[in-house]
C-alpha atoms as a PDB file:
ATOM      1  CA  UNK A   1     143.095 276.524 130.451  1.00  0.00           C
ATOM      2  CA  UNK A   2     142.123 272.634 130.223  1.00  0.00           C
ATOM      3  CA  UNK A   3     138.576 271.830 129.377  1.00  0.00           C
ATOM      4  CA  UNK A   4     136.130 269.711 131.783  1.00  0.00           C
ATOM      5  CA  UNK A   5     134.287 267.040 130.011  1.00  0.00           C
ATOM      6  CA  UNK A   6     130.804 267.628 129.014  1.00  0.00           C
ATOM      7  CA  UNK A   7     127.635 265.185 129.040  1.00  0.00           C
ATOM      8  CA  UNK A   8     128.284 262.985 125.935  1.00  0.00           C
ATOM      9  CA  UNK A   9     126.683 264.047 122.909  1.00  0.00           C
ATOM     10  CA  UNK A  10     125.434 260.250 121.881  1.00  0.00           C
ATOM     11  CA  UNK A  11     125.713 256.718 124.223  1.00  0.00           C
ATOM     12  CA  UNK A  12     127.496 253.905 122.372  1.00  0.00           C
ATOM     13  CA  UNK A  13     125.891 250.720 123.287  1.00  0.00           C
ATOM     14  CA  UNK A  14     128.139 247.693 123.912  1.00  0.00           C
ATOM     15  CA  UNK A  15     126.289 245.820 121.032  1.00  0.00           C
ATOM     16  CA  UNK A  16     127.059 248.651 118.575  1.00  0.00           C
ATOM     17  CA  UNK A  17     129.887 249.795 116.258  1.00  0.00           C
ATOM     18  CA  UNK A  18     129.396 252.693 114.524  1.00  0.00           C
ATOM     19  CA  UNK A  19     131.303 253.582 111.392  1.00  0.00           C
ATOM     20  CA  UNK A  20     131.713 257.049 110.326  1.00  0.00           C
ATOM     21  CA  UNK A  21     132.750 258.217 106.755  1.00  0.00           C
ATOM     22  CA  UNK A  22     133.911 262.018 105.917  1.00  0.00           C
ATOM     23  CA  UNK A  23     134.253 263.131 102.333  1.00  0.00           C
ATOM     24  CA  UNK A  24     137.604 265.257 102.924  1.00  0.00           C
ATOM     25  CA  UNK A  25     136.841 267.980 100.204  1.00  0.00           C
ATOM     26  CA  UNK A  26     132.929 268.671 102.305  1.00  0.00           C
ATOM     27  CA  UNK A  27     134.575 268.206 105.666  1.00  0.00           C
ATOM     28  CA  UNK A  28     137.432 271.177 104.740  1.00  0.00           C
ATOM     29  CA  UNK A  29     135.019 273.456 102.525  1.00  0.00           C
ATOM     30  CA  UNK A  30     135.343 275.968 105.391  1.00  0.00           C
ATOM     31  CA  UNK A  31     138.758 275.854 106.027  1.00  0.00           C
ATOM     32  CA  UNK A  32     140.984 274.124 108.704  1.00  0.00           C
ATOM     33  CA  UNK A  33     141.331 276.572 111.107  1.00  0.00           C
ATOM     34  CA  UNK A  34     138.720 275.594 113.849  1.00  0.00           C
ATOM     35  CA  UNK A  35     139.677 272.168 113.982  1.00  0.00           C
ATOM     36  CA  UNK A  36     143.768 272.791 114.071  1.00  0.00           C
ATOM     37  CA  UNK A  37     143.598 273.731 117.639  1.00  0.00           C
ATOM     38  CA  UNK A  38     142.699 270.351 118.520  1.00  0.00           C
ATOM     39  CA  UNK A  39     145.979 268.739 117.352  1.00  0.00           C
ATOM     40  CA  UNK A  40     149.103 268.412 118.841  1.00  0.00           C
ATOM     41  CA  UNK A  41     152.265 270.318 117.716  1.00  0.00           C
ATOM     42  CA  UNK A  42     153.865 266.528 116.558  1.00  0.00           C
ATOM     43  CA  UNK A  43     150.515 265.909 114.223  1.00  0.00           C
ATOM     44  CA  UNK A  44     151.045 269.489 113.025  1.00  0.00           C
ATOM     45  CA  UNK A  45     155.116 268.575 112.390  1.00  0.00           C
ATOM     46  CA  UNK A  46     153.934 265.315 110.811  1.00  0.00           C
ATOM     47  CA  UNK A  47     151.388 266.904 108.413  1.00  0.00           C
ATOM     48  CA  UNK A  48     154.116 269.387 107.317  1.00  0.00           C
ATOM     49  CA  UNK A  49     156.200 266.224 105.889  1.00  0.00           C
ATOM     50  CA  UNK A  50     153.588 265.798 103.266  1.00  0.00           C
ATOM     51  CA  UNK A  51     154.754 266.185  99.667  1.00  0.00           C
ATOM     52  CA  UNK A  52     151.308 266.078  97.752  1.00  0.00           C
ATOM     53  CA  UNK A  53     148.768 268.118  99.562  1.00  0.00           C
ATOM     54  CA  UNK A  54     145.415 265.918  98.701  1.00  0.00           C
ATOM     55  CA  UNK A  55     147.051 263.632 101.617  1.00  0.00           C
ATOM     56  CA  UNK A  56     148.268 266.279 103.419  1.00  0.00           C
ATOM     57  CA  UNK A  57     144.406 267.160 103.674  1.00  0.00           C
ATOM     58  CA  UNK A  58     143.351 263.379 104.004  1.00  0.00           C
ATOM     59  CA  UNK A  59     145.773 262.918 107.001  1.00  0.00           C
ATOM     60  CA  UNK A  60     144.153 266.096 108.666  1.00  0.00           C
ATOM     61  CA  UNK A  61     140.659 264.955 108.571  1.00  0.00           C
ATOM     62  CA  UNK A  62     141.778 261.456 110.168  1.00  0.00           C
ATOM     63  CA  UNK A  63     143.629 262.810 112.804  1.00  0.00           C
ATOM     64  CA  UNK A  64     140.551 265.469 113.427  1.00  0.00           C
ATOM     65  CA  UNK A  65     137.790 262.479 112.853  1.00  0.00           C
ATOM     66  CA  UNK A  66     139.493 260.287 115.239  1.00  0.00           C
ATOM     67  CA  UNK A  67     139.045 262.983 118.177  1.00  0.00           C
ATOM     68  CA  UNK A  68     135.793 264.372 117.056  1.00  0.00           C
ATOM     69  CA  UNK A  69     134.167 260.437 117.122  1.00  0.00           C
ATOM     70  CA  UNK A  70     135.301 259.670 120.416  1.00  0.00           C
ATOM     71  CA  UNK A  71     134.811 263.123 122.326  1.00  0.00           C
ATOM     72  CA  UNK A  72     131.112 262.482 120.663  1.00  0.00           C
ATOM     73  CA  UNK A  73     130.907 259.158 122.967  1.00  0.00           C
ATOM     74  CA  UNK A  74     132.465 260.615 126.094  1.00  0.00           C
ATOM     75  CA  UNK A  75     132.181 264.047 126.001  1.00  0.00           C
ATOM     76  CA  UNK A  76     135.951 264.480 126.841  1.00  0.00           C
ATOM     77  CA  UNK A  77     137.312 267.680 124.497  1.00  0.00           C
ATOM     78  CA  UNK A  78     138.696 266.560 121.566  1.00  0.00           C
ATOM     79  CA  UNK A  79     142.387 268.388 121.821  1.00  0.00           C
ATOM     80  CA  UNK A  80     142.671 266.307 125.009  1.00  0.00           C
ATOM     81  CA  UNK A  81     142.827 263.006 123.533  1.00  0.00           C
ATOM     82  CA  UNK A  82     146.700 261.932 123.346  1.00  0.00           C
ATOM     83  CA  UNK A  83     147.280 258.873 120.913  1.00  0.00           C
ATOM     84  CA  UNK A  84     150.092 256.091 120.382  1.00  0.00           C
ATOM     85  CA  UNK A  85     150.564 253.120 118.104  1.00  0.00           C
ATOM     86  CA  UNK A  86     151.508 249.704 118.502  1.00  0.00           C
ATOM     87  CA  UNK A  87     154.767 247.858 117.250  1.00  0.00           C
ATOM     88  CA  UNK A  88     152.855 247.884 113.570  1.00  0.00           C
ATOM     89  CA  UNK A  89     151.293 251.544 113.484  1.00  0.00           C
ATOM     90  CA  UNK A  90     148.104 250.789 115.028  1.00  0.00           C
ATOM     91  CA  UNK A  91     147.039 253.791 116.939  1.00  0.00           C
ATOM     92  CA  UNK A  92     145.744 253.638 120.257  1.00  0.00           C
ATOM     93  CA  UNK A  93     144.385 256.119 123.108  1.00  0.00           C
ATOM     94  CA  UNK A  94     146.817 256.520 126.177  1.00  0.00           C
ATOM     95  CA  UNK A  95     144.988 259.684 127.330  1.00  0.00           C
ATOM     96  CA  UNK A  96     142.610 259.716 128.951  1.00  0.00           C
ATOM     97  CA  UNK A  97     141.073 256.433 130.084  1.00  0.00           C
ATOM     98  CA  UNK A  98     138.431 255.222 128.055  1.00  0.00           C
ATOM     99  CA  UNK A  99     136.929 251.482 127.532  1.00  0.00           C
ATOM    100  CA  UNK A 100     136.182 252.470 124.172  1.00  0.00           C
ATOM    101  CA  UNK A 101     138.178 250.833 120.637  1.00  0.00           C
ATOM    102  CA  UNK A 102     138.612 252.684 117.364  1.00  0.00           C
ATOM    103  CA  UNK A 103     140.581 252.168 114.226  1.00  0.00           C
ATOM    104  CA  UNK A 104     140.968 254.449 110.930  1.00  0.00           C
ATOM    105  CA  UNK A 105     141.358 254.374 107.191  1.00  0.00           C
ATOM    106  CA  UNK A 106     141.720 256.998 104.117  1.00  0.00           C
ATOM    107  CA  UNK A 107     142.132 256.416 100.485  1.00  0.00           C
ATOM    108  CA  UNK A 108     141.142 258.592  97.311  1.00  0.00           C
ATOM    109  CA  UNK A 109     139.779 261.511  99.381  1.00  0.00           C
ATOM    110  CA  UNK A 110     137.384 259.481 102.195  1.00  0.00           C
ATOM    111  CA  UNK A 111     138.090 259.336 105.994  1.00  0.00           C
ATOM    112  CA  UNK A 112     136.735 256.420 108.198  1.00  0.00           C
ATOM    113  CA  UNK A 113     136.718 256.170 111.797  1.00  0.00           C
ATOM    114  CA  UNK A 114     135.060 253.070 113.677  1.00  0.00           C
ATOM    115  CA  UNK A 115     134.623 253.167 117.325  1.00  0.00           C
ATOM    116  CA  UNK A 116     133.525 250.405 119.394  1.00  0.00           C
ATOM    117  CA  UNK A 117     133.155 249.698 123.336  1.00  0.00           C
ATOM    118  CA  UNK A 118     135.739 247.666 123.329  1.00  0.00           C
ATOM    119  CA  UNK A 119     137.354 244.815 122.015  1.00  0.00           C
ATOM    120  CA  UNK A 120     139.229 244.271 118.861  1.00  0.00           C
ATOM    121  CA  UNK A 121     138.780 246.874 116.252  1.00  0.00           C
ATOM    122  CA  UNK A 122     139.598 247.054 112.636  1.00  0.00           C
ATOM    123  CA  UNK A 123     138.246 248.929 109.398  1.00  0.00           C
ATOM    124  CA  UNK A 124     139.413 249.440 106.025  1.00  0.00           C
ATOM    125  CA  UNK A 125     138.437 251.354 102.915  1.00  0.00           C
ATOM    126  CA  UNK A 126     139.150 251.200  98.686  1.00  0.00           C
ATOM    127  CA  UNK A 127     138.240 252.832  95.744  1.00  0.00           C
ATOM    128  CA  UNK A 128     136.449 249.741  93.642  1.00  0.00           C
ATOM    129  CA  UNK A 129     138.195 251.273  90.493  1.00  0.00           C
ATOM    130  CA  UNK A 130     141.790 250.771  89.940  1.00  0.00           C
ATOM    131  CA  UNK A 131     144.654 249.525  87.374  1.00  0.00           C
ATOM    132  CA  UNK A 132     145.862 245.961  87.332  1.00  0.00           C
ATOM    133  CA  UNK A 133     144.245 242.452  86.636  1.00  0.00           C
ATOM    134  CA  UNK A 134     142.520 241.239  89.696  1.00  0.00           C
ATOM    135  CA  UNK A 135     144.020 237.172  89.168  1.00  0.00           C
ATOM    136  CA  UNK A 136     147.216 238.735  89.096  1.00  0.00           C
ATOM    137  CA  UNK A 137     147.102 240.968  91.842  1.00  0.00           C
ATOM    138  CA  UNK A 138     145.515 238.335  94.341  1.00  0.00           C
ATOM    139  CA  UNK A 139     148.040 235.505  92.936  1.00  0.00           C
ATOM    140  CA  UNK A 140     150.668 236.786  95.995  1.00  0.00           C
ATOM    141  CA  UNK A 141     148.108 238.404  98.220  1.00  0.00           C
ATOM    142  CA  UNK A 142     145.450 235.539  98.718  1.00  0.00           C
ATOM    143  CA  UNK A 143     145.173 232.110  99.717  1.00  0.00           C
ATOM    144  CA  UNK A 144     144.184 229.529  97.160  1.00  0.00           C
ATOM    145  CA  UNK A 145     140.580 229.501  98.125  1.00  0.00           C
ATOM    146  CA  UNK A 146     140.289 232.976  97.516  1.00  0.00           C
ATOM    147  CA  UNK A 147     142.312 232.907  94.311  1.00  0.00           C
ATOM    148  CA  UNK A 148     139.939 230.181  93.036  1.00  0.00           C
ATOM    149  CA  UNK A 149     136.537 232.137  93.836  1.00  0.00           C
ATOM    150  CA  UNK A 150     138.070 235.006  92.195  1.00  0.00           C
ATOM    151  CA  UNK A 151     138.962 232.823  89.345  1.00  0.00           C
ATOM    152  CA  UNK A 152     135.252 231.865  88.944  1.00  0.00           C
ATOM    153  CA  UNK A 153     133.429 235.108  89.152  1.00  0.00           C
ATOM    154  CA  UNK A 154     132.159 236.590  86.037  1.00  0.00           C
ATOM    155  CA  UNK A 155     135.297 238.955  84.711  1.00  0.00           C
ATOM    156  CA  UNK A 156     132.960 242.160  85.206  1.00  0.00           C
ATOM    157  CA  UNK A 157     133.078 241.496  88.702  1.00  0.00           C
ATOM    158  CA  UNK A 158     136.316 240.331  89.563  1.00  0.00           C
ATOM    159  CA  UNK A 159     137.382 243.913  90.552  1.00  0.00           C
ATOM    160  CA  UNK A 160     134.784 244.369  92.892  1.00  0.00           C
ATOM    161  CA  UNK A 161     135.444 241.077  94.543  1.00  0.00           C
ATOM    162  CA  UNK A 162     138.466 241.717  94.555  1.00  0.00           C
ATOM    163  CA  UNK A 163     138.654 244.784  96.586  1.00  0.00           C
ATOM    164  CA  UNK A 164     135.526 243.226  98.908  1.00  0.00           C
ATOM    165  CA  UNK A 165     137.990 240.593  99.678  1.00  0.00           C
ATOM    166  CA  UNK A 166     141.172 243.009 100.115  1.00  0.00           C
ATOM    167  CA  UNK A 167     139.498 245.561 102.601  1.00  0.00           C
ATOM    168  CA  UNK A 168     137.979 242.637 104.635  1.00  0.00           C
ATOM    169  CA  UNK A 169     141.559 241.137 105.049  1.00  0.00           C
ATOM    170  CA  UNK A 170     143.438 244.620 105.766  1.00  0.00           C
ATOM    171  CA  UNK A 171     140.554 245.035 108.721  1.00  0.00           C
ATOM    172  CA  UNK A 172     141.089 242.208 109.994  1.00  0.00           C
ATOM    173  CA  UNK A 173     145.109 242.338 110.131  1.00  0.00           C
ATOM    174  CA  UNK A 174     144.403 246.183 111.572  1.00  0.00           C
ATOM    175  CA  UNK A 175     141.984 244.770 114.198  1.00  0.00           C
ATOM    176  CA  UNK A 176     144.921 242.340 115.399  1.00  0.00           C
ATOM    177  CA  UNK A 177     147.754 245.516 115.267  1.00  0.00           C
ATOM    178  CA  UNK A 178     149.626 243.419 113.008  1.00  0.00           C
ATOM    179  CA  UNK A 179     150.488 245.224 109.875  1.00  0.00           C
ATOM    180  CA  UNK A 180     151.472 242.776 107.173  1.00  0.00           C
ATOM    181  CA  UNK A 181     153.829 241.120 109.839  1.00  0.00           C
ATOM    182  CA  UNK A 182     151.329 238.369 108.596  1.00  0.00           C
ATOM    183  CA  UNK A 183     151.196 237.138 105.333  1.00  0.00           C
ATOM    184  CA  UNK A 184     147.593 237.638 103.541  1.00  0.00           C
ATOM    185  CA  UNK A 185     147.768 234.489 101.926  1.00  0.00           C
ATOM    186  CA  UNK A 186     147.825 232.624 105.445  1.00  0.00           C
ATOM    187  CA  UNK A 187     144.103 233.017 106.000  1.00  0.00           C
ATOM    188  CA  UNK A 188     141.008 233.085 103.587  1.00  0.00           C
ATOM    189  CA  UNK A 189     137.901 235.403 103.437  1.00  0.00           C
ATOM    190  CA  UNK A 190     134.723 234.081 101.977  1.00  0.00           C
ATOM    191  CA  UNK A 191     131.858 236.343 101.425  1.00  0.00           C
ATOM    192  CA  UNK A 192     128.647 235.439 102.734  1.00  0.00           C
ATOM    193  CA  UNK A 193     125.063 236.964 102.108  1.00  0.00           C
ATOM    194  CA  UNK A 194     125.289 240.605 101.191  1.00  0.00           C
ATOM    195  CA  UNK A 195     127.206 242.244 104.072  1.00  0.00           C
ATOM    196  CA  UNK A 196     128.680 239.539 105.625  1.00  0.00           C
ATOM    197  CA  UNK A 197     131.872 237.102 105.748  1.00  0.00           C
ATOM    198  CA  UNK A 198     133.527 234.209 107.152  1.00  0.00           C
ATOM    199  CA  UNK A 199     137.188 234.024 107.927  1.00  0.00           C
ATOM    200  CA  UNK A 200     139.588 231.092 108.305  1.00  0.00           C
ATOM    201  CA  UNK A 201     143.265 230.593 108.899  1.00  0.00           C
ATOM    202  CA  UNK A 202     146.120 228.673 108.279  1.00  0.00           C
ATOM    203  CA  UNK A 203     147.018 225.794 110.911  1.00  0.00           C
ATOM    204  CA  UNK A 204     150.280 227.867 111.570  1.00  0.00           C
ATOM    205  CA  UNK A 205     148.328 231.190 112.366  1.00  0.00           C
ATOM    206  CA  UNK A 206     147.636 231.364 115.989  1.00  0.00           C
ATOM    207  CA  UNK A 207     143.685 232.672 115.785  1.00  0.00           C
ATOM    208  CA  UNK A 208     140.296 231.326 115.922  1.00  0.00           C
ATOM    209  CA  UNK A 209     137.403 232.439 113.161  1.00  0.00           C
ATOM    210  CA  UNK A 210     134.304 232.089 115.513  1.00  0.00           C
ATOM    211  CA  UNK A 211     136.159 235.094 117.762  1.00  0.00           C
ATOM    212  CA  UNK A 212     135.688 237.475 114.535  1.00  0.00           C
ATOM    213  CA  UNK A 213     132.701 239.226 113.325  1.00  0.00           C
ATOM    214  CA  UNK A 214     133.200 240.498 109.732  1.00  0.00           C
ATOM    215  CA  UNK A 215     131.404 242.693 107.910  1.00  0.00           C
ATOM    216  CA  UNK A 216     131.548 244.853 104.619  1.00  0.00           C
ATOM    217  CA  UNK A 217     129.570 248.080 103.338  1.00  0.00           C
ATOM    218  CA  UNK A 218     128.871 248.920 100.159  1.00  0.00           C
ATOM    219  CA  UNK A 219     126.783 252.026 100.624  1.00  0.00           C
ATOM    220  CA  UNK A 220     129.400 254.385  99.906  1.00  0.00           C
ATOM    221  CA  UNK A 221     129.112 254.886  95.881  1.00  0.00           C
ATOM    222  CA  UNK A 222     132.403 253.631  94.490  1.00  0.00           C
ATOM    223  CA  UNK A 223     134.062 252.085  97.347  1.00  0.00           C
ATOM    224  CA  UNK A 224     133.999 248.907  99.627  1.00  0.00           C
ATOM    225  CA  UNK A 225     134.578 249.300 103.146  1.00  0.00           C
ATOM    226  CA  UNK A 226     135.034 246.601 105.675  1.00  0.00           C
ATOM    227  CA  UNK A 227     134.788 246.296 109.879  1.00  0.00           C
ATOM    228  CA  UNK A 228     136.484 243.341 111.662  1.00  0.00           C
ATOM    229  CA  UNK A 229     135.242 243.042 115.130  1.00  0.00           C
ATOM    230  CA  UNK A 230     136.366 241.044 118.207  1.00  0.00           C
ATOM    231  CA  UNK A 231     133.087 238.644 119.295  1.00  0.00           C
ATOM    232  CA  UNK A 232     132.937 239.420 123.241  1.00  0.00           C
ATOM    233  CA  UNK A 233     130.149 237.804 125.416  1.00  0.00           C
ATOM    234  CA  UNK A 234     127.737 239.269 123.979  1.00  0.00           C
ATOM    235  CA  UNK A 235     128.448 238.148 120.744  1.00  0.00           C
ATOM    236  CA  UNK A 236     127.759 239.793 117.493  1.00  0.00           C
ATOM    237  CA  UNK A 237     127.710 243.612 117.220  1.00  0.00           C
ATOM    238  CA  UNK A 238     125.375 245.527 115.314  1.00  0.00           C
ATOM    239  CA  UNK A 239     127.370 247.612 112.573  1.00  0.00           C
ATOM    240  CA  UNK A 240     125.896 251.019 111.788  1.00  0.00           C
ATOM    241  CA  UNK A 241     127.352 253.256 109.043  1.00  0.00           C
ATOM    242  CA  UNK A 242     127.266 257.469 110.156  1.00  0.00           C
ATOM    243  CA  UNK A 243     127.992 260.074 107.473  1.00  0.00           C
ATOM    244  CA  UNK A 244     128.473 263.580 107.878  1.00  0.00           C
ATOM    245  CA  UNK A 245     129.253 266.394 105.493  1.00  0.00           C
ATOM    246  CA  UNK A 246     131.161 268.301 108.095  1.00  0.00           C
ATOM    247  CA  UNK A 247     133.736 267.406 111.080  1.00  0.00           C
ATOM    248  CA  UNK A 248     131.212 268.781 113.565  1.00  0.00           C
ATOM    249  CA  UNK A 249     130.122 265.295 115.574  1.00  0.00           C
ATOM    250  CA  UNK A 250     131.520 266.264 118.655  1.00  0.00           C
END
């Protein structure tokens, strides 16, 4: 029996973007059974193909969170959402009709879902700790300006700066739905203030810097989180961080 939509739990104003952050272990402390029925058979089969349990659990929470977040703002039952993917893997809603945009990210036990009322939207999250020399990693992935800025930063700040830049670049690529079809050294991100960033493009890249709003969120200890949104007629949107210990946000 198909459930009919209920009134939305919350309205999502056009001038806002909500970024939901869930910790996998907390979310699944009570098990998976309650939310498994939301997933399609194809999604469940995909979960079974994961070699490592931690990756399977992370992917499970990602799929459930997408459904719960979209349902929160529409009242559509979570199991009714049908998803498709673009040429480079960007997920989108194919049914039912909705004006909402969303994007997903997960890394190292953390899952993120950004939701906005339309427009292009991308989100990325990465742990700050990691291996490898930031300068060496940036040499092929960053633009000359980004590499120069990283080299000028104090050595003990380079890792965090590298991750901040990388998440912003990934968020932009995901908002465009390009994956790595666009080389990451063909555009530059410059950090501004404590939360904003500015983007510029190689002349060969067909895009306009003023079209984009880039926001970085450092409120999750140990992680950098970044959001890229296309600006509409209303200009910049307020990006609000939301956290929950469970997936019961619908």
